[in-house]
């Protein structure tokens, strides 16, 4: 049973027979189908069905020479909105099955962002036709969570917001220069990090860490596409799974200046989400590469 099925409203799905019936229904009545051939002369297929707006399950497998479909794996998904990053993305195949991980080095995050690739069929098409790398792509990120909390925002006036935005822009420019080997930028970043560490070490004795840290984004556990995040809620939508009837919160978050959508079962969210408040939790990061027309 997939761990993140409850994030899209299937918290009561615990029987393997029910899971197989659901997979069969998706294959027969998919709202979206995609096919392509790979270098091994097999037809890869992906069947997707939405159970709420932009929320559903994808079933992946392949057709043999006799047009018989063999189911390989499935995964729940949330199709994100907007553009999360304009940086180039590299893709690597997982070792055990025909699924892929994407890597994006967005300077806003500070780490190499690894995500589970949603649109594998367009990537495999580009790979088999030898048109990789494709330039001019953008990335739309989304996350699934099975446990989260709502935290009150840090109080900031307009002057402080403008100051934070200016400092963030300046830091991103320094990081970009440091990646190019600029020694002055590397030294400036090192001194800045030492100052931040010293300030937080002094204030943490009397203040809560969540009043000092506005947002964060950092790897979680041993799986490379899972992250612990704290992000500001910019938009909220409550959706209902048409099969189970369970309610799902979809929140648009700003986390370290990176914007993406996160969905979580209403049962698993502690607190009342509102625009301006913050979401804290662990997410499974997914991504959709937007190829130019």
C-alpha atoms as a PDB file:
ATOM      1  CA  UNK A   1       0.000   0.000   0.000  1.00  0.00           C
ATOM      2  CA  UNK A   2       1.391   3.370  -0.990  1.00  0.00           C
ATOM      3  CA  UNK A   3       2.189   5.487   2.068  1.00  0.00           C
ATOM      4  CA  UNK A   4       0.834   8.718   0.564  1.00  0.00           C
ATOM      5  CA  UNK A   5      -2.561   7.409  -0.580  1.00  0.00           C
ATOM      6  CA  UNK A   6      -4.161   8.960   2.506  1.00  0.00           C
ATOM      7  CA  UNK A   7      -2.892  12.382   1.407  1.00  0.00           C
ATOM      8  CA  UNK A   8      -5.330  12.314  -1.538  1.00  0.00           C
ATOM      9  CA  UNK A   9      -8.289  11.051   0.484  1.00  0.00           C
ATOM     10  CA  UNK A  10      -7.837   7.261   0.674  1.00  0.00           C
ATOM     11  CA  UNK A  11      -7.057   6.933   4.380  1.00  0.00           C
ATOM     12  CA  UNK A  12      -9.475   3.989   4.746  1.00  0.00           C
ATOM     13  CA  UNK A  13      -7.978   2.006   1.869  1.00  0.00           C
ATOM     14  CA  UNK A  14      -6.225  -0.886   3.612  1.00  0.00           C
ATOM     15  CA  UNK A  15      -7.221  -4.021   1.701  1.00  0.00           C
ATOM     16  CA  UNK A  16      -5.136  -5.262  -1.251  1.00  0.00           C
ATOM     17  CA  UNK A  17      -8.246  -6.408  -3.129  1.00  0.00           C
ATOM     18  CA  UNK A  18      -9.774  -2.935  -2.877  1.00  0.00           C
ATOM     19  CA  UNK A  19      -6.503  -1.481  -4.129  1.00  0.00           C
ATOM     20  CA  UNK A  20      -6.478  -3.832  -7.139  1.00  0.00           C
ATOM     21  CA  UNK A  21     -10.121  -3.001  -7.946  1.00  0.00           C
ATOM     22  CA  UNK A  22      -9.231   0.696  -7.821  1.00  0.00           C
ATOM     23  CA  UNK A  23      -6.231   0.182 -10.132  1.00  0.00           C
ATOM     24  CA  UNK A  24      -8.361  -1.820 -12.590  1.00  0.00           C
ATOM     25  CA  UNK A  25     -10.998   0.924 -12.606  1.00  0.00           C
ATOM     26  CA  UNK A  26      -8.337   3.554 -13.350  1.00  0.00           C
ATOM     27  CA  UNK A  27      -6.969   1.523 -16.285  1.00  0.00           C
ATOM     28  CA  UNK A  28     -10.456   1.025 -17.734  1.00  0.00           C
ATOM     29  CA  UNK A  29     -11.846   4.533 -17.106  1.00  0.00           C
ATOM     30  CA  UNK A  30      -8.788   6.798 -17.063  1.00  0.00           C
ATOM     31  CA  UNK A  31      -9.389  10.494 -17.662  1.00  0.00           C
ATOM     32  CA  UNK A  32      -5.933  10.818 -19.210  1.00  0.00           C
ATOM     33  CA  UNK A  33      -3.854   8.284 -21.142  1.00  0.00           C
ATOM     34  CA  UNK A  34      -0.316   8.617 -22.476  1.00  0.00           C
ATOM     35  CA  UNK A  35       1.796   6.194 -24.503  1.00  0.00           C
ATOM     36  CA  UNK A  36       5.290   6.041 -25.951  1.00  0.00           C
ATOM     37  CA  UNK A  37       7.816   3.464 -27.068  1.00  0.00           C
ATOM     38  CA  UNK A  38      11.205   3.183 -25.446  1.00  0.00           C
ATOM     39  CA  UNK A  39      14.541   1.938 -26.724  1.00  0.00           C
ATOM     40  CA  UNK A  40      13.625  -1.646 -25.762  1.00  0.00           C
ATOM     41  CA  UNK A  41      10.779  -1.737 -28.337  1.00  0.00           C
ATOM     42  CA  UNK A  42       8.073  -1.844 -25.700  1.00  0.00           C
ATOM     43  CA  UNK A  43       5.123   0.507 -25.344  1.00  0.00           C
ATOM     44  CA  UNK A  44       5.095   2.388 -22.061  1.00  0.00           C
ATOM     45  CA  UNK A  45       1.670   3.493 -20.850  1.00  0.00           C
ATOM     46  CA  UNK A  46       0.385   5.767 -18.125  1.00  0.00           C
ATOM     47  CA  UNK A  47      -3.269   5.889 -17.042  1.00  0.00           C
ATOM     48  CA  UNK A  48      -4.364   8.766 -14.791  1.00  0.00           C
ATOM     49  CA  UNK A  49      -7.676   9.413 -13.095  1.00  0.00           C
ATOM     50  CA  UNK A  50      -8.556  12.490 -11.050  1.00  0.00           C
ATOM     51  CA  UNK A  51     -10.593  11.960  -7.874  1.00  0.00           C
ATOM     52  CA  UNK A  52     -10.645  15.685  -7.093  1.00  0.00           C
ATOM     53  CA  UNK A  53      -9.430  18.717  -9.019  1.00  0.00           C
ATOM     54  CA  UNK A  54      -5.799  17.990 -10.061  1.00  0.00           C
ATOM     55  CA  UNK A  55      -5.613  15.157  -7.493  1.00  0.00           C
ATOM     56  CA  UNK A  56      -5.558  11.509  -8.492  1.00  0.00           C
ATOM     57  CA  UNK A  57      -3.670   8.293  -9.132  1.00  0.00           C
ATOM     58  CA  UNK A  58      -1.368   7.367 -12.007  1.00  0.00           C
ATOM     59  CA  UNK A  59      -0.975   3.716 -13.053  1.00  0.00           C
ATOM     60  CA  UNK A  60       2.117   2.881 -15.084  1.00  0.00           C
ATOM     61  CA  UNK A  61       3.085  -0.217 -17.030  1.00  0.00           C
ATOM     62  CA  UNK A  62       3.762  -1.481 -20.529  1.00  0.00           C
ATOM     63  CA  UNK A  63       2.161  -3.292 -23.464  1.00  0.00           C
ATOM     64  CA  UNK A  64       3.794  -6.378 -24.934  1.00  0.00           C
ATOM     65  CA  UNK A  65       3.833  -7.508 -28.580  1.00  0.00           C
ATOM     66  CA  UNK A  66       0.331  -8.994 -28.174  1.00  0.00           C
ATOM     67  CA  UNK A  67      -1.076  -5.689 -26.826  1.00  0.00           C
ATOM     68  CA  UNK A  68      -1.416  -7.119 -23.338  1.00  0.00           C
ATOM     69  CA  UNK A  69      -0.954  -4.542 -20.599  1.00  0.00           C
ATOM     70  CA  UNK A  70       1.289  -5.424 -17.659  1.00  0.00           C
ATOM     71  CA  UNK A  71       0.817  -3.255 -14.576  1.00  0.00           C
ATOM     72  CA  UNK A  72       4.117  -2.132 -13.041  1.00  0.00           C
ATOM     73  CA  UNK A  73       3.362   0.427 -10.314  1.00  0.00           C
ATOM     74  CA  UNK A  74       1.085   3.299  -9.305  1.00  0.00           C
ATOM     75  CA  UNK A  75       1.456   6.520  -7.348  1.00  0.00           C
ATOM     76  CA  UNK A  76      -0.842   9.269  -6.026  1.00  0.00           C
ATOM     77  CA  UNK A  77      -0.282  12.760  -7.399  1.00  0.00           C
ATOM     78  CA  UNK A  78      -1.149  16.419  -7.059  1.00  0.00           C
ATOM     79  CA  UNK A  79      -0.789  18.476 -10.218  1.00  0.00           C
ATOM     80  CA  UNK A  80       0.714  21.771  -9.169  1.00  0.00           C
ATOM     81  CA  UNK A  81      -0.162  25.212 -10.507  1.00  0.00           C
ATOM     82  CA  UNK A  82       2.085  28.027 -11.654  1.00  0.00           C
ATOM     83  CA  UNK A  83       5.838  27.874 -12.188  1.00  0.00           C
ATOM     84  CA  UNK A  84       8.090  26.988  -9.246  1.00  0.00           C
ATOM     85  CA  UNK A  85      11.464  27.296 -10.968  1.00  0.00           C
ATOM     86  CA  UNK A  86      12.955  28.438 -14.269  1.00  0.00           C
ATOM     87  CA  UNK A  87      16.258  26.630 -13.684  1.00  0.00           C
ATOM     88  CA  UNK A  88      17.341  23.682 -15.823  1.00  0.00           C
ATOM     89  CA  UNK A  89      16.371  20.206 -14.653  1.00  0.00           C
ATOM     90  CA  UNK A  90      18.295  16.951 -15.022  1.00  0.00           C
ATOM     91  CA  UNK A  91      16.520  13.574 -14.866  1.00  0.00           C
ATOM     92  CA  UNK A  92      17.709  10.124 -13.786  1.00  0.00           C
ATOM     93  CA  UNK A  93      15.886   6.785 -13.975  1.00  0.00           C
ATOM     94  CA  UNK A  94      15.227   4.842 -10.775  1.00  0.00           C
ATOM     95  CA  UNK A  95      17.016   1.508 -10.586  1.00  0.00           C
ATOM     96  CA  UNK A  96      14.048  -0.764  -9.846  1.00  0.00           C
ATOM     97  CA  UNK A  97      11.356   0.436 -12.281  1.00  0.00           C
ATOM     98  CA  UNK A  98      10.541   2.776 -15.166  1.00  0.00           C
ATOM     99  CA  UNK A  99      10.159   5.859 -12.971  1.00  0.00           C
ATOM    100  CA  UNK A 100      12.343   8.924 -12.778  1.00  0.00           C
ATOM    101  CA  UNK A 101      13.772  11.456 -10.355  1.00  0.00           C
ATOM    102  CA  UNK A 102      14.410  15.060 -11.330  1.00  0.00           C
ATOM    103  CA  UNK A 103      17.128  17.311  -9.932  1.00  0.00           C
ATOM    104  CA  UNK A 104      16.939  21.103  -9.948  1.00  0.00           C
ATOM    105  CA  UNK A 105      19.674  23.361  -8.551  1.00  0.00           C
ATOM    106  CA  UNK A 106      17.524  26.361  -7.672  1.00  0.00           C
ATOM    107  CA  UNK A 107      19.546  28.928  -5.729  1.00  0.00           C
ATOM    108  CA  UNK A 108      16.520  29.917  -3.644  1.00  0.00           C
ATOM    109  CA  UNK A 109      16.499  26.541  -1.869  1.00  0.00           C
ATOM    110  CA  UNK A 110      20.211  26.258  -1.124  1.00  0.00           C
ATOM    111  CA  UNK A 111      20.310  22.489  -1.806  1.00  0.00           C
ATOM    112  CA  UNK A 112      19.904  20.320  -4.897  1.00  0.00           C
ATOM    113  CA  UNK A 113      16.141  19.874  -5.123  1.00  0.00           C
ATOM    114  CA  UNK A 114      15.253  16.236  -5.918  1.00  0.00           C
ATOM    115  CA  UNK A 115      11.680  15.345  -6.853  1.00  0.00           C
ATOM    116  CA  UNK A 116       9.596  12.468  -8.251  1.00  0.00           C
ATOM    117  CA  UNK A 117       8.903  13.133 -11.934  1.00  0.00           C
ATOM    118  CA  UNK A 118       5.200  13.089 -12.815  1.00  0.00           C
ATOM    119  CA  UNK A 119       5.246  13.410 -16.608  1.00  0.00           C
ATOM    120  CA  UNK A 120       7.524  10.528 -17.517  1.00  0.00           C
ATOM    121  CA  UNK A 121       5.999   9.914 -20.976  1.00  0.00           C
ATOM    122  CA  UNK A 122       7.099  13.278 -22.490  1.00  0.00           C
ATOM    123  CA  UNK A 123      10.565  12.772 -21.028  1.00  0.00           C
ATOM    124  CA  UNK A 124      10.910   9.240 -22.449  1.00  0.00           C
ATOM    125  CA  UNK A 125       9.694  10.543 -25.845  1.00  0.00           C
ATOM    126  CA  UNK A 126      12.363  13.248 -25.779  1.00  0.00           C
ATOM    127  CA  UNK A 127      14.962  10.691 -24.719  1.00  0.00           C
ATOM    128  CA  UNK A 128      14.171   8.138 -27.447  1.00  0.00           C
ATOM    129  CA  UNK A 129      14.087  10.813 -30.181  1.00  0.00           C
ATOM    130  CA  UNK A 130      17.500  12.146 -29.070  1.00  0.00           C
ATOM    131  CA  UNK A 131      16.375  15.748 -28.516  1.00  0.00           C
ATOM    132  CA  UNK A 132      17.699  15.968 -24.954  1.00  0.00           C
ATOM    133  CA  UNK A 133      18.668  18.262 -23.361  1.00  0.00           C
ATOM    134  CA  UNK A 134      15.609  20.429 -23.995  1.00  0.00           C
ATOM    135  CA  UNK A 135      16.228  24.102 -23.234  1.00  0.00           C
ATOM    136  CA  UNK A 136      13.662  26.632 -22.064  1.00  0.00           C
ATOM    137  CA  UNK A 137      11.826  24.269 -19.714  1.00  0.00           C
ATOM    138  CA  UNK A 138      10.162  25.352 -16.476  1.00  0.00           C
ATOM    139  CA  UNK A 139       9.283  23.307 -13.412  1.00  0.00           C
ATOM    140  CA  UNK A 140       6.006  23.031 -11.505  1.00  0.00           C
ATOM    141  CA  UNK A 141       6.416  21.455  -8.078  1.00  0.00           C
ATOM    142  CA  UNK A 142       3.854  19.937  -5.737  1.00  0.00           C
ATOM    143  CA  UNK A 143       3.955  17.994  -2.499  1.00  0.00           C
ATOM    144  CA  UNK A 144       1.915  15.344  -0.679  1.00  0.00           C
ATOM    145  CA  UNK A 145       1.843  15.280   3.104  1.00  0.00           C
ATOM    146  CA  UNK A 146       0.394  12.840   5.634  1.00  0.00           C
ATOM    147  CA  UNK A 147       1.093  14.915   8.756  1.00  0.00           C
ATOM    148  CA  UNK A 148       1.223  18.662   9.303  1.00  0.00           C
ATOM    149  CA  UNK A 149       0.630  21.526  11.700  1.00  0.00           C
ATOM    150  CA  UNK A 150      -0.553  25.102  11.278  1.00  0.00           C
ATOM    151  CA  UNK A 151       1.644  27.706  12.960  1.00  0.00           C
ATOM    152  CA  UNK A 152       0.938  31.395  13.470  1.00  0.00           C
ATOM    153  CA  UNK A 153       2.926  33.827  11.297  1.00  0.00           C
ATOM    154  CA  UNK A 154       5.865  35.965  12.396  1.00  0.00           C
ATOM    155  CA  UNK A 155       4.745  39.561  12.841  1.00  0.00           C
ATOM    156  CA  UNK A 156       6.335  41.817  10.182  1.00  0.00           C
ATOM    157  CA  UNK A 157       5.562  45.375   9.072  1.00  0.00           C
ATOM    158  CA  UNK A 158       5.904  46.610   5.464  1.00  0.00           C
ATOM    159  CA  UNK A 159       9.400  48.024   6.008  1.00  0.00           C
ATOM    160  CA  UNK A 160      10.628  44.721   7.410  1.00  0.00           C
ATOM    161  CA  UNK A 161       9.051  42.785   4.521  1.00  0.00           C
ATOM    162  CA  UNK A 162      10.851  45.011   1.999  1.00  0.00           C
ATOM    163  CA  UNK A 163      14.124  44.612   3.923  1.00  0.00           C
ATOM    164  CA  UNK A 164      13.785  40.804   3.942  1.00  0.00           C
ATOM    165  CA  UNK A 165      13.044  40.749   0.207  1.00  0.00           C
ATOM    166  CA  UNK A 166      16.091  42.931  -0.493  1.00  0.00           C
ATOM    167  CA  UNK A 167      18.342  40.725   1.654  1.00  0.00           C
ATOM    168  CA  UNK A 168      16.985  37.593  -0.032  1.00  0.00           C
ATOM    169  CA  UNK A 169      17.710  39.008  -3.501  1.00  0.00           C
ATOM    170  CA  UNK A 170      21.220  40.006  -2.443  1.00  0.00           C
ATOM    171  CA  UNK A 171      21.891  36.555  -0.965  1.00  0.00           C
ATOM    172  CA  UNK A 172      20.671  34.792  -4.113  1.00  0.00           C
ATOM    173  CA  UNK A 173      23.030  36.927  -6.192  1.00  0.00           C
ATOM    174  CA  UNK A 174      25.923  35.997  -3.884  1.00  0.00           C
ATOM    175  CA  UNK A 175      25.061  32.291  -4.123  1.00  0.00           C
ATOM    176  CA  UNK A 176      24.955  32.514  -7.923  1.00  0.00           C
ATOM    177  CA  UNK A 177      28.362  34.249  -7.931  1.00  0.00           C
ATOM    178  CA  UNK A 178      29.794  31.690  -5.490  1.00  0.00           C
ATOM    179  CA  UNK A 179      28.743  28.863  -7.800  1.00  0.00           C
ATOM    180  CA  UNK A 180      30.797  30.517 -10.518  1.00  0.00           C
ATOM    181  CA  UNK A 181      33.846  30.475  -8.242  1.00  0.00           C
ATOM    182  CA  UNK A 182      33.764  34.086  -6.996  1.00  0.00           C
ATOM    183  CA  UNK A 183      35.966  34.006  -3.869  1.00  0.00           C
ATOM    184  CA  UNK A 184      34.619  37.313  -2.510  1.00  0.00           C
ATOM    185  CA  UNK A 185      31.066  35.993  -2.725  1.00  0.00           C
ATOM    186  CA  UNK A 186      32.081  32.774  -0.946  1.00  0.00           C
ATOM    187  CA  UNK A 187      33.751  34.789   1.823  1.00  0.00           C
ATOM    188  CA  UNK A 188      30.716  37.086   2.165  1.00  0.00           C
ATOM    189  CA  UNK A 189      28.364  34.120   2.453  1.00  0.00           C
ATOM    190  CA  UNK A 190      30.593  32.461   5.047  1.00  0.00           C
ATOM    191  CA  UNK A 191      30.709  35.610   7.203  1.00  0.00           C
ATOM    192  CA  UNK A 192      26.959  36.097   6.824  1.00  0.00           C
ATOM    193  CA  UNK A 193      26.262  32.513   7.934  1.00  0.00           C
ATOM    194  CA  UNK A 194      28.526  32.986  10.967  1.00  0.00           C
ATOM    195  CA  UNK A 195      26.641  36.162  11.921  1.00  0.00           C
ATOM    196  CA  UNK A 196      23.275  34.411  11.547  1.00  0.00           C
ATOM    197  CA  UNK A 197      24.453  31.459  13.644  1.00  0.00           C
ATOM    198  CA  UNK A 198      25.725  33.794  16.361  1.00  0.00           C
ATOM    199  CA  UNK A 199      22.479  35.799  16.419  1.00  0.00           C
ATOM    200  CA  UNK A 200      20.238  32.732  16.565  1.00  0.00           C
ATOM    201  CA  UNK A 201      22.393  31.070  19.245  1.00  0.00           C
ATOM    202  CA  UNK A 202      21.928  34.148  21.424  1.00  0.00           C
ATOM    203  CA  UNK A 203      18.191  34.623  20.816  1.00  0.00           C
ATOM    204  CA  UNK A 204      17.221  30.939  21.041  1.00  0.00           C
ATOM    205  CA  UNK A 205      17.793  31.077  24.815  1.00  0.00           C
ATOM    206  CA  UNK A 206      14.768  33.329  25.305  1.00  0.00           C
ATOM    207  CA  UNK A 207      12.687  32.987  22.110  1.00  0.00           C
ATOM    208  CA  UNK A 208      10.958  30.192  20.202  1.00  0.00           C
ATOM    209  CA  UNK A 209      12.765  28.907  17.126  1.00  0.00           C
ATOM    210  CA  UNK A 210       9.613  29.453  15.047  1.00  0.00           C
ATOM    211  CA  UNK A 211       9.633  33.165  15.888  1.00  0.00           C
ATOM    212  CA  UNK A 212      13.206  33.391  14.600  1.00  0.00           C
ATOM    213  CA  UNK A 213      12.891  31.182  11.513  1.00  0.00           C
ATOM    214  CA  UNK A 214      10.194  32.371   9.111  1.00  0.00           C
ATOM    215  CA  UNK A 215      10.414  29.484   6.618  1.00  0.00           C
ATOM    216  CA  UNK A 216      12.733  26.550   5.999  1.00  0.00           C
ATOM    217  CA  UNK A 217      13.238  23.770   3.452  1.00  0.00           C
ATOM    218  CA  UNK A 218      15.505  20.827   4.251  1.00  0.00           C
ATOM    219  CA  UNK A 219      15.879  17.140   3.338  1.00  0.00           C
ATOM    220  CA  UNK A 220      14.116  14.652   5.595  1.00  0.00           C
ATOM    221  CA  UNK A 221      14.975  11.018   6.294  1.00  0.00           C
ATOM    222  CA  UNK A 222      16.825   8.702   3.923  1.00  0.00           C
ATOM    223  CA  UNK A 223      14.599   9.137   0.856  1.00  0.00           C
ATOM    224  CA  UNK A 224      15.984  11.915  -1.293  1.00  0.00           C
ATOM    225  CA  UNK A 225      12.628  13.344  -2.472  1.00  0.00           C
ATOM    226  CA  UNK A 226      11.142  13.918   0.993  1.00  0.00           C
ATOM    227  CA  UNK A 227      11.549  17.248   2.790  1.00  0.00           C
ATOM    228  CA  UNK A 228      10.703  18.877   6.078  1.00  0.00           C
ATOM    229  CA  UNK A 229       9.267  22.313   5.336  1.00  0.00           C
ATOM    230  CA  UNK A 230       7.876  25.409   6.997  1.00  0.00           C
ATOM    231  CA  UNK A 231       6.118  27.666   4.503  1.00  0.00           C
ATOM    232  CA  UNK A 232       3.750  30.613   4.433  1.00  0.00           C
ATOM    233  CA  UNK A 233       0.241  29.845   3.167  1.00  0.00           C
ATOM    234  CA  UNK A 234      -0.661  32.044   0.197  1.00  0.00           C
ATOM    235  CA  UNK A 235      -3.866  30.319  -0.923  1.00  0.00           C
ATOM    236  CA  UNK A 236      -6.155  27.527   0.335  1.00  0.00           C
ATOM    237  CA  UNK A 237      -8.685  25.285  -1.352  1.00  0.00           C
ATOM    238  CA  UNK A 238     -10.744  22.517   0.259  1.00  0.00           C
ATOM    239  CA  UNK A 239     -11.493  19.663  -2.160  1.00  0.00           C
ATOM    240  CA  UNK A 240     -13.423  16.409  -1.783  1.00  0.00           C
ATOM    241  CA  UNK A 241     -12.384  12.960  -3.016  1.00  0.00           C
ATOM    242  CA  UNK A 242     -15.347  11.838  -5.151  1.00  0.00           C
ATOM    243  CA  UNK A 243     -14.843   8.157  -4.235  1.00  0.00           C
ATOM    244  CA  UNK A 244     -14.133   8.252  -0.488  1.00  0.00           C
ATOM    245  CA  UNK A 245     -15.810  11.579   0.329  1.00  0.00           C
ATOM    246  CA  UNK A 246     -12.788  12.638   2.393  1.00  0.00           C
ATOM    247  CA  UNK A 247     -11.824  16.320   2.447  1.00  0.00           C
ATOM    248  CA  UNK A 248      -8.386  17.430   1.249  1.00  0.00           C
ATOM    249  CA  UNK A 249      -6.681  20.758   1.857  1.00  0.00           C
ATOM    250  CA  UNK A 250      -4.650  22.104  -1.056  1.00  0.00           C
ATOM    251  CA  UNK A 251      -2.388  24.967   0.023  1.00  0.00           C
ATOM    252  CA  UNK A 252      -0.142  27.162  -2.081  1.00  0.00           C
ATOM    253  CA  UNK A 253       3.007  27.776  -0.044  1.00  0.00           C
ATOM    254  CA  UNK A 254       5.919  30.183  -0.195  1.00  0.00           C
ATOM    255  CA  UNK A 255       8.920  28.403   1.279  1.00  0.00           C
ATOM    256  CA  UNK A 256      12.352  30.023   0.982  1.00  0.00           C
ATOM    257  CA  UNK A 257      10.906  32.075  -1.935  1.00  0.00           C
ATOM    258  CA  UNK A 258       9.974  28.804  -3.667  1.00  0.00           C
ATOM    259  CA  UNK A 259       6.260  28.539  -4.484  1.00  0.00           C
ATOM    260  CA  UNK A 260       4.460  25.193  -4.798  1.00  0.00           C
ATOM    261  CA  UNK A 261       1.202  23.439  -3.871  1.00  0.00           C
ATOM    262  CA  UNK A 262       0.827  20.900  -1.066  1.00  0.00           C
ATOM    263  CA  UNK A 263      -2.153  18.641  -0.389  1.00  0.00           C
ATOM    264  CA  UNK A 264      -2.982  16.948   2.891  1.00  0.00           C
ATOM    265  CA  UNK A 265      -5.965  15.016   4.209  1.00  0.00           C
ATOM    266  CA  UNK A 266      -8.043  17.202   6.544  1.00  0.00           C
ATOM    267  CA  UNK A 267      -7.779  14.404   9.152  1.00  0.00           C
ATOM    268  CA  UNK A 268      -3.985  14.728   9.200  1.00  0.00           C
ATOM    269  CA  UNK A 269      -3.745  18.509   9.569  1.00  0.00           C
ATOM    270  CA  UNK A 270      -3.570  19.912  13.093  1.00  0.00           C
ATOM    271  CA  UNK A 271      -4.886  23.467  13.222  1.00  0.00           C
ATOM    272  CA  UNK A 272      -6.988  25.730  11.030  1.00  0.00           C
ATOM    273  CA  UNK A 273      -5.219  26.869   7.837  1.00  0.00           C
ATOM    274  CA  UNK A 274      -5.613  30.512   6.855  1.00  0.00           C
ATOM    275  CA  UNK A 275      -3.817  32.748   4.388  1.00  0.00           C
ATOM    276  CA  UNK A 276      -0.800  34.266   6.129  1.00  0.00           C
ATOM    277  CA  UNK A 277      -0.382  31.415   8.601  1.00  0.00           C
ATOM    278  CA  UNK A 278       2.358  28.826   8.147  1.00  0.00           C
ATOM    279  CA  UNK A 279       2.296  25.114   7.361  1.00  0.00           C
ATOM    280  CA  UNK A 280       4.873  22.845   9.007  1.00  0.00           C
ATOM    281  CA  UNK A 281       5.210  19.230   7.917  1.00  0.00           C
ATOM    282  CA  UNK A 282       6.989  16.567   5.910  1.00  0.00           C
ATOM    283  CA  UNK A 283       6.211  16.325   2.186  1.00  0.00           C
ATOM    284  CA  UNK A 284       6.890  13.961  -0.695  1.00  0.00           C
ATOM    285  CA  UNK A 285       8.018  16.297  -3.467  1.00  0.00           C
ATOM    286  CA  UNK A 286       6.786  15.765  -7.014  1.00  0.00           C
ATOM    287  CA  UNK A 287       7.503  17.770 -10.127  1.00  0.00           C
ATOM    288  CA  UNK A 288       6.116  18.354 -13.618  1.00  0.00           C
ATOM    289  CA  UNK A 289       8.531  19.560 -16.307  1.00  0.00           C
ATOM    290  CA  UNK A 290       6.848  22.033 -18.636  1.00  0.00           C
ATOM    291  CA  UNK A 291       8.403  21.470 -22.054  1.00  0.00           C
ATOM    292  CA  UNK A 292       8.172  24.357 -24.549  1.00  0.00           C
ATOM    293  CA  UNK A 293       5.676  23.877 -27.373  1.00  0.00           C
END
